[in-house]
Every structure is written in structure tokens, then in C-alpha cells.
Amino acid sequence: MIRSMTGFGRGDAVSTLGKVSVEMKSVNHRYLDMNIKMPRKFNALEGDIRNYIKKYIQRGKVDIYINYEDYSEQNVSIKYNRAVAKEYLSYFEQMSEEFHLENDIRLSKLVSMPEVFNMQQAEEDEESLWNLLKEALDTAVERFLAVRDKEGQQLKEDLLGKLSYMTELVDCVEERYPQILADYRARLTAKMQDILSSSNIDESRIAAEVVIYADKCCVDEETVRLKSHIKQVSEALDSEGSVGRKLDFLVQEMNREANTMLSKSTDGSLTDVAINLKTEIEKVREQIQNIE
């Protein structure tokens, strides 16, 4: 099943650690380009996040937004530094004796001195944090891929319709080509009769001229290749995995054959068909830019 490169998904997860919300959105891009915005708390998990996303997405510019509500205030503790407090008191007593001043230090003053009390954050449990984040990622990716799959199916139906029409155009070229040769032979015969004023026309000469003309305007190779490319595109639309680059290459080849066909055209109706074919190929090219 083909997938669109446009998608959106959101997932949430809650535990005693906190609440994680993940939003993902993507647009077309030649390669996979991930942009992750997240709290510093998750910086150590960035590599895991990228590896996880790469398992499900091959192409597209993907923006990932991670929000976190921390419920782990209990992990913050206050540490009393007894040695520092004791050293402060020792210096206060020393200064009192040295300068003959009253040592009026009080507890309220001592506790305000730097480093007597310190706030300490407990070490993060990365495994638990990753499990919480992965739960939110699972939901976001699942919804994200569902949107891509749905749009991909719509793209497939549209492309199959265009490919069917392109096949009809190629069939018209194949049907029209013998008639073009017959018309040329008739015009050539009539012209020679008019010039020679006789019905005794050298048929071998006519045949030789028709062969030369047929060789110049022959589009058999182009129509065969076009039908082959159309078939390959149809088969790729039914295959699994990322096929966008393959489709892009096939459409370039289709356009090349249509250009050659147009350059060989000496018939107005055939030229119109070739132009319509090029127009339809361009529509297909625009659509496959959306395919992963």
C-alpha cells in the first residue's frame, strides 16, 4: 500500500512520572528530515526517538513536538551540608575573638549562608522515561500512519484513473499510425499523378518513399515503452514500502518517450494526442511528489 507524505498524529501517555504529549506532522520532502522539539529532560533520548521513527517513515519532512508535565516533584530533596555550617560557625567565632566583637550569629542567619542547604534533583530513570515517551509515540505514529495510508489510497485511485486514460491515448496513437501512412501514400500518389499527368505511376518508387516516411515518423518503440512504464507504475502502486523515488524515475522516462513521440509527429491529430499525453504525465508527476 502506498502512503502519502502528508500526515498528522497525536498521542498521550500518563504515569507517576508525568504526562507526555506527542504531536507529529509531515509534508513532502525528497528525503527523511526530522525536526524534534522537546524539553531538555528528553535530550538523552533523542537518538532513540529518531531510530524509532525511522522504522516507520522513509521520506518526508517530519516535525515532532513533545510536551511534558512533570509529576515527580518528590524527586527533589533538600540536603543539609553540616560541614559547611560548622565551618561558617568556626570562622564567626574566630572573627569575634580577633576583632573583639560579639558573636551574634543566629540560626536564621546561618541557614541563609551559601551551600548550607542545597536543592538536589534525583537522577532520572531513563528507562522509565523512555517507556512513558514510547507509549505516547506509539499512539501518535499509529494515527500518523493511518492518515498517510488514507491519503495514499486516494492518491492511488486518482493515479490509476490517470494511467488508464494514458493507456487509451497510447492506443489511439497505435490505431492512428497505419492510417497516417495510408493517407501519406494516397497524397503522394495523387501528387505524382498530377505532376506526371499519367496514371502510370512507379509503385516501387511510391513504396520506397512511404518506407522512408514511415521510418521517420515511426513511434512503435515509444508506444511500447510507454505501455511498459504505465504497467510498471501500476504495479508499483500495489507494492509495499517506499516507492516514491521509483515512480519519479518512471515518470521521467514516460515524459522522455512522449517528447520523442511529439517530435516525430507529422499529423495534427497525433500531435494533439501526444500533447494530451504529456499533460497527463505532468499531472501524474505532480501527484507522485506526495508519495512516500
Protein backbone atom coordinates (compact mmCIF):
# COMPACT_ATOMS: atom_id res chain seq x y z
CA MET A 1 0.00 0.00 0.00
CA ILE A 2 1.38 3.40 -0.96
CA ARG A 3 1.45 6.22 1.55
CA SER A 4 1.16 9.95 1.25
CA MET A 5 3.96 12.06 2.72
CA THR A 6 1.39 14.33 4.36
CA GLY A 7 0.23 13.22 7.78
CA PHE A 8 -0.69 14.17 11.33
CA GLY A 9 -0.89 12.22 14.57
CA ARG A 10 -1.12 12.84 18.30
CA GLY A 11 -0.57 10.60 21.30
CA ASP A 12 -0.61 10.99 25.09
CA ALA A 13 0.69 8.87 27.95
CA VAL A 14 0.43 9.33 31.72
CA SER A 15 2.28 7.73 34.63
CA THR A 16 3.55 8.68 38.08
CA LEU A 17 6.46 10.40 36.33
CA GLY A 18 4.22 12.80 34.45
CA LYS A 19 2.21 13.27 31.26
CA VAL A 20 3.79 13.16 27.80
CA SER A 21 2.08 14.53 24.68
CA VAL A 22 3.50 13.88 21.22
CA GLU A 23 2.37 15.60 18.01
CA MET A 24 3.67 14.68 14.56
CA LYS A 25 3.06 16.34 11.23
CA SER A 26 4.78 15.99 7.88
CA VAL A 27 4.93 17.44 4.39
CA ASN A 28 6.69 16.44 1.17
CA HIS A 29 10.44 16.11 1.12
CA ARG A 30 12.92 14.27 -1.05
CA TYR A 31 14.45 12.50 1.96
CA LEU A 32 13.56 11.91 5.60
CA ASP A 33 14.11 15.15 7.52
CA MET A 34 13.18 15.02 11.21
CA ASN A 35 12.89 18.10 13.39
CA ILE A 36 12.30 17.31 17.08
CA LYS A 37 11.29 19.92 19.64
CA MET A 38 11.25 18.62 23.21
CA PRO A 39 12.08 19.55 26.82
CA ARG A 40 15.70 19.23 27.94
CA LYS A 41 14.61 16.34 30.15
CA PHE A 42 14.35 14.18 26.99
CA ASN A 43 17.63 15.22 25.33
CA ALA A 44 19.31 11.94 26.20
CA LEU A 45 16.54 10.07 24.37
CA GLU A 46 16.83 11.90 21.04
CA GLY A 47 18.75 9.06 19.39
CA ASP A 48 16.11 6.53 20.50
CA ILE A 49 13.34 8.77 19.15
CA ARG A 50 15.00 9.11 15.73
CA ASN A 51 15.67 5.38 15.44
CA TYR A 52 12.09 4.63 16.41
CA ILE A 53 10.64 7.00 13.80
CA LYS A 54 12.92 5.65 11.05
CA LYS A 55 11.33 2.22 11.44
CA TYR A 56 8.01 3.59 10.19
CA ILE A 57 8.83 6.57 7.95
CA GLN A 58 11.22 6.68 4.99
CA ARG A 59 10.51 10.07 3.39
CA GLY A 60 9.05 13.45 4.29
CA LYS A 61 9.81 16.49 6.40
CA VAL A 62 8.55 15.40 9.81
CA ASP A 63 8.09 17.82 12.73
CA ILE A 64 7.77 16.18 16.15
CA TYR A 65 6.63 18.18 19.17
CA ILE A 66 6.99 16.66 22.65
CA ASN A 67 5.41 18.29 25.70
CA TYR A 68 5.87 17.08 29.26
CA GLU A 69 4.09 17.75 32.56
CA ASP A 70 6.37 16.67 35.40
CA TYR A 71 4.61 14.93 38.33
CA SER A 72 7.87 13.97 40.03
CA GLU A 73 8.34 16.86 42.46
CA GLN A 74 9.02 14.28 45.17
CA ASN A 75 12.30 13.58 43.43
CA VAL A 76 13.55 17.00 44.55
CA SER A 77 15.16 16.95 48.00
CA ILE A 78 16.99 19.39 50.31
CA LYS A 79 20.43 18.43 51.55
CA TYR A 80 21.86 19.88 54.78
CA ASN A 81 25.62 20.39 54.50
CA ARG A 82 26.77 20.04 58.12
CA ALA A 83 30.45 20.51 57.36
CA VAL A 84 29.86 23.86 55.64
CA ALA A 85 27.67 25.11 58.52
CA LYS A 86 30.30 24.07 61.04
CA GLU A 87 33.00 25.86 59.09
CA TYR A 88 30.91 29.05 58.98
CA LEU A 89 30.48 28.93 62.78
CA SER A 90 34.19 28.34 63.27
CA TYR A 91 35.07 31.42 61.20
CA PHE A 92 32.44 33.53 63.02
CA GLU A 93 33.98 32.62 66.39
CA GLN A 94 37.47 33.31 65.05
CA MET A 95 36.42 36.73 63.81
CA SER A 96 34.71 37.52 67.14
CA GLU A 97 37.91 36.79 69.11
CA GLU A 98 40.19 38.52 66.63
CA PHE A 99 38.22 41.74 66.38
CA HIS A 100 36.73 41.71 69.89
CA LEU A 101 33.20 41.71 68.57
CA GLU A 102 30.13 39.99 69.92
CA ASN A 103 29.31 36.79 68.07
CA ASP A 104 25.63 37.46 67.39
CA ILE A 105 25.12 34.76 64.73
CA ARG A 106 21.66 33.24 64.88
CA LEU A 107 20.20 30.15 63.26
CA SER A 108 18.13 32.19 60.80
CA LYS A 109 21.35 33.85 59.62
CA LEU A 110 23.31 30.62 59.40
CA VAL A 111 20.77 28.79 57.24
CA SER A 112 20.84 31.63 54.70
CA MET A 113 24.54 31.26 54.12
CA PRO A 114 25.51 29.79 50.70
CA GLU A 115 25.77 26.00 50.41
CA VAL A 116 24.37 25.25 53.88
CA PHE A 117 21.27 23.90 52.22
CA ASN A 118 21.21 22.59 48.64
CA MET A 119 18.36 21.50 46.38
CA GLN A 120 19.05 18.11 44.83
CA GLN A 121 17.28 16.53 41.87
CA ALA A 122 17.14 12.77 41.93
CA GLU A 123 18.73 11.06 38.95
CA GLU A 124 16.37 10.47 36.05
CA ASP A 125 15.24 6.93 35.39
CA GLU A 126 15.83 7.00 31.61
CA GLU A 127 14.28 3.61 31.04
CA SER A 128 11.02 4.58 32.75
CA LEU A 129 11.03 7.92 30.96
CA TRP A 130 11.56 6.21 27.60
CA ASN A 131 8.75 3.73 28.27
CA LEU A 132 6.41 6.62 29.01
CA LEU A 133 7.51 8.52 25.91
CA LYS A 134 7.30 5.40 23.71
CA GLU A 135 3.70 4.83 24.78
CA ALA A 136 2.80 8.30 23.51
CA LEU A 137 4.91 7.80 20.38
CA ASP A 138 3.15 4.52 19.61
CA THR A 139 -0.23 6.22 19.57
CA ALA A 140 0.99 9.25 17.63
CA VAL A 141 2.73 7.14 14.98
CA GLU A 142 -0.27 4.82 14.60
CA ARG A 143 -2.61 7.76 13.94
CA PHE A 144 0.01 9.47 11.78
CA LEU A 145 0.39 6.42 9.55
CA ALA A 146 -3.39 5.96 9.36
CA VAL A 147 -3.70 9.46 7.86
CA ARG A 148 -0.88 8.74 5.43
CA ASP A 149 -2.47 5.43 4.41
CA LYS A 150 -5.86 7.04 3.81
CA GLU A 151 -4.41 9.83 1.66
CA GLY A 152 -2.20 7.29 -0.09
CA GLN A 153 -5.26 5.26 -1.11
CA GLN A 154 -6.89 8.37 -2.52
CA LEU A 155 -3.71 9.15 -4.47
CA LYS A 156 -3.61 5.61 -5.79
CA GLU A 157 -7.19 5.74 -7.09
CA ASP A 158 -6.54 9.08 -8.76
CA LEU A 159 -3.30 7.87 -10.34
CA LEU A 160 -4.85 4.64 -11.62
CA GLY A 161 -7.53 6.70 -13.34
CA LYS A 162 -4.87 8.86 -15.00
CA LEU A 163 -2.85 5.80 -16.04
CA SER A 164 -5.96 4.26 -17.60
CA TYR A 165 -6.54 7.41 -19.63
CA MET A 166 -2.87 7.46 -20.68
CA THR A 167 -3.22 3.87 -21.93
CA GLU A 168 -6.20 4.96 -24.04
CA LEU A 169 -4.12 7.77 -25.52
CA VAL A 170 -1.30 5.39 -26.42
CA ASP A 171 -3.87 3.04 -28.00
CA CYS A 172 -5.11 5.97 -30.10
CA VAL A 173 -1.56 6.57 -31.34
CA GLU A 174 -1.15 2.91 -32.31
CA GLU A 175 -4.51 2.88 -34.09
CA ARG A 176 -3.86 6.16 -35.89
CA TYR A 177 -0.35 5.32 -37.17
CA PRO A 178 -1.37 2.91 -40.02
CA GLN A 179 -3.94 5.43 -41.22
CA ILE A 180 -1.27 8.15 -41.27
CA LEU A 181 0.84 6.01 -43.62
CA ALA A 182 -2.17 5.25 -45.84
CA ASP A 183 -3.04 8.94 -46.04
CA TYR A 184 0.55 9.82 -46.90
CA ARG A 185 0.65 7.19 -49.65
CA ALA A 186 -2.60 8.50 -51.10
CA ARG A 187 -1.36 12.11 -51.05
CA LEU A 188 1.97 11.11 -52.58
CA THR A 189 0.28 9.10 -55.35
CA ALA A 190 -2.10 11.95 -56.14
CA LYS A 191 0.75 14.44 -56.26
CA MET A 192 2.83 12.30 -58.60
CA GLN A 193 -0.15 11.72 -60.87
CA ASP A 194 -0.73 15.44 -61.01
CA ILE A 195 2.91 16.12 -61.82
CA LEU A 196 3.24 13.34 -64.41
CA SER A 197 -0.30 13.75 -65.76
CA SER A 198 -0.44 9.98 -66.04
CA SER A 199 -1.88 7.06 -64.18
CA ASN A 200 1.26 5.02 -64.89
CA ILE A 201 2.95 5.57 -61.55
CA ASP A 202 6.04 3.67 -60.49
CA GLU A 203 4.64 1.77 -57.49
CA SER A 204 8.13 0.77 -56.29
CA ARG A 205 9.04 4.45 -56.06
CA ILE A 206 5.86 5.17 -54.09
CA ALA A 207 6.59 2.24 -51.77
CA ALA A 208 10.16 3.42 -51.18
CA GLU A 209 9.01 6.92 -50.28
CA VAL A 210 6.38 5.53 -47.91
CA VAL A 211 9.01 3.36 -46.22
CA ILE A 212 11.28 6.37 -45.71
CA TYR A 213 8.37 8.39 -44.33
CA ALA A 214 7.29 5.53 -42.07
CA ASP A 215 10.79 5.25 -40.65
CA LYS A 216 10.89 8.96 -39.83
CA CYS A 217 7.55 9.05 -38.05
CA CYS A 218 7.52 5.55 -36.56
CA VAL A 219 6.58 5.63 -32.88
CA ASP A 220 6.36 1.90 -32.23
CA GLU A 221 9.29 1.95 -29.80
CA GLU A 222 7.84 4.88 -27.91
CA THR A 223 4.36 3.35 -27.55
CA VAL A 224 5.81 0.01 -26.40
CA ARG A 225 7.99 1.71 -23.80
CA LEU A 226 5.13 3.93 -22.65
CA LYS A 227 2.87 0.94 -22.09
CA SER A 228 5.68 -0.80 -20.23
CA HIS A 229 6.23 2.23 -17.97
CA ILE A 230 2.50 2.59 -17.33
CA LYS A 231 2.36 -1.07 -16.30
CA GLN A 232 5.37 -0.64 -14.00
CA VAL A 233 3.79 2.38 -12.33
CA SER A 234 0.55 0.43 -11.78
CA GLU A 235 2.47 -2.46 -10.24
CA ALA A 236 4.47 -0.11 -8.02
CA LEU A 237 1.22 1.38 -6.69
CA ASP A 238 0.29 -2.11 -5.42
CA SER A 239 3.67 -2.81 -3.83
CA GLU A 240 4.76 -2.34 -0.23
CA GLY A 241 7.31 0.12 1.11
CA SER A 242 8.58 3.42 -0.16
CA VAL A 243 8.07 3.68 -3.95
CA GLY A 244 8.06 7.45 -4.49
CA ARG A 245 11.57 7.65 -5.93
CA LYS A 246 10.93 4.72 -8.28
CA LEU A 247 7.73 6.34 -9.53
CA ASP A 248 9.53 9.62 -10.06
CA PHE A 249 12.10 7.89 -12.27
CA LEU A 250 9.42 6.05 -14.28
CA VAL A 251 7.50 9.26 -14.92
CA GLN A 252 10.68 10.94 -16.17
CA GLU A 253 11.09 8.08 -18.67
CA MET A 254 7.44 8.39 -19.72
CA ASN A 255 7.90 12.08 -20.36
CA ARG A 256 11.00 11.35 -22.45
CA GLU A 257 9.06 8.93 -24.68
CA ALA A 258 6.17 11.40 -25.05
CA ASN A 259 8.61 14.14 -26.11
CA THR A 260 10.13 11.86 -28.75
CA MET A 261 6.68 10.93 -29.99
CA LEU A 262 5.73 14.59 -30.29
CA SER A 263 8.92 15.44 -32.18
CA LYS A 264 8.18 12.69 -34.72
CA SER A 265 4.58 13.70 -35.25
CA THR A 266 3.60 14.99 -38.72
CA ASP A 267 -0.11 14.55 -38.18
CA GLY A 268 -2.33 17.08 -36.45
CA SER A 269 -4.48 14.54 -34.62
CA LEU A 270 -1.40 12.61 -33.49
CA THR A 271 0.16 15.83 -32.22
CA ASP A 272 -2.98 16.55 -30.18
CA VAL A 273 -2.84 13.08 -28.65
CA ALA A 274 0.86 13.46 -27.80
CA ILE A 275 0.21 16.85 -26.15
CA ASN A 276 -2.64 15.38 -24.11
CA LEU A 277 -0.35 12.53 -23.13
CA LYS A 278 2.34 14.95 -21.94
CA THR A 279 -0.26 16.92 -19.99
CA GLU A 280 -1.46 13.78 -18.24
CA ILE A 281 2.10 12.68 -17.47
CA GLU A 282 2.73 16.06 -15.83
CA LYS A 283 -0.38 15.57 -13.67
CA VAL A 284 0.92 12.17 -12.62
CA ARG A 285 4.34 13.66 -11.85
CA GLU A 286 2.77 16.28 -9.58
CA GLN A 287 0.77 13.63 -7.72
CA ILE A 288 3.66 11.26 -7.10
CA GLN A 289 5.56 14.08 -5.36
CA ASN A 290 3.16 13.36 -2.49
CA ILE A 291 4.01 9.65 -2.31
CA GLU A 292 6.48 8.33 0.24
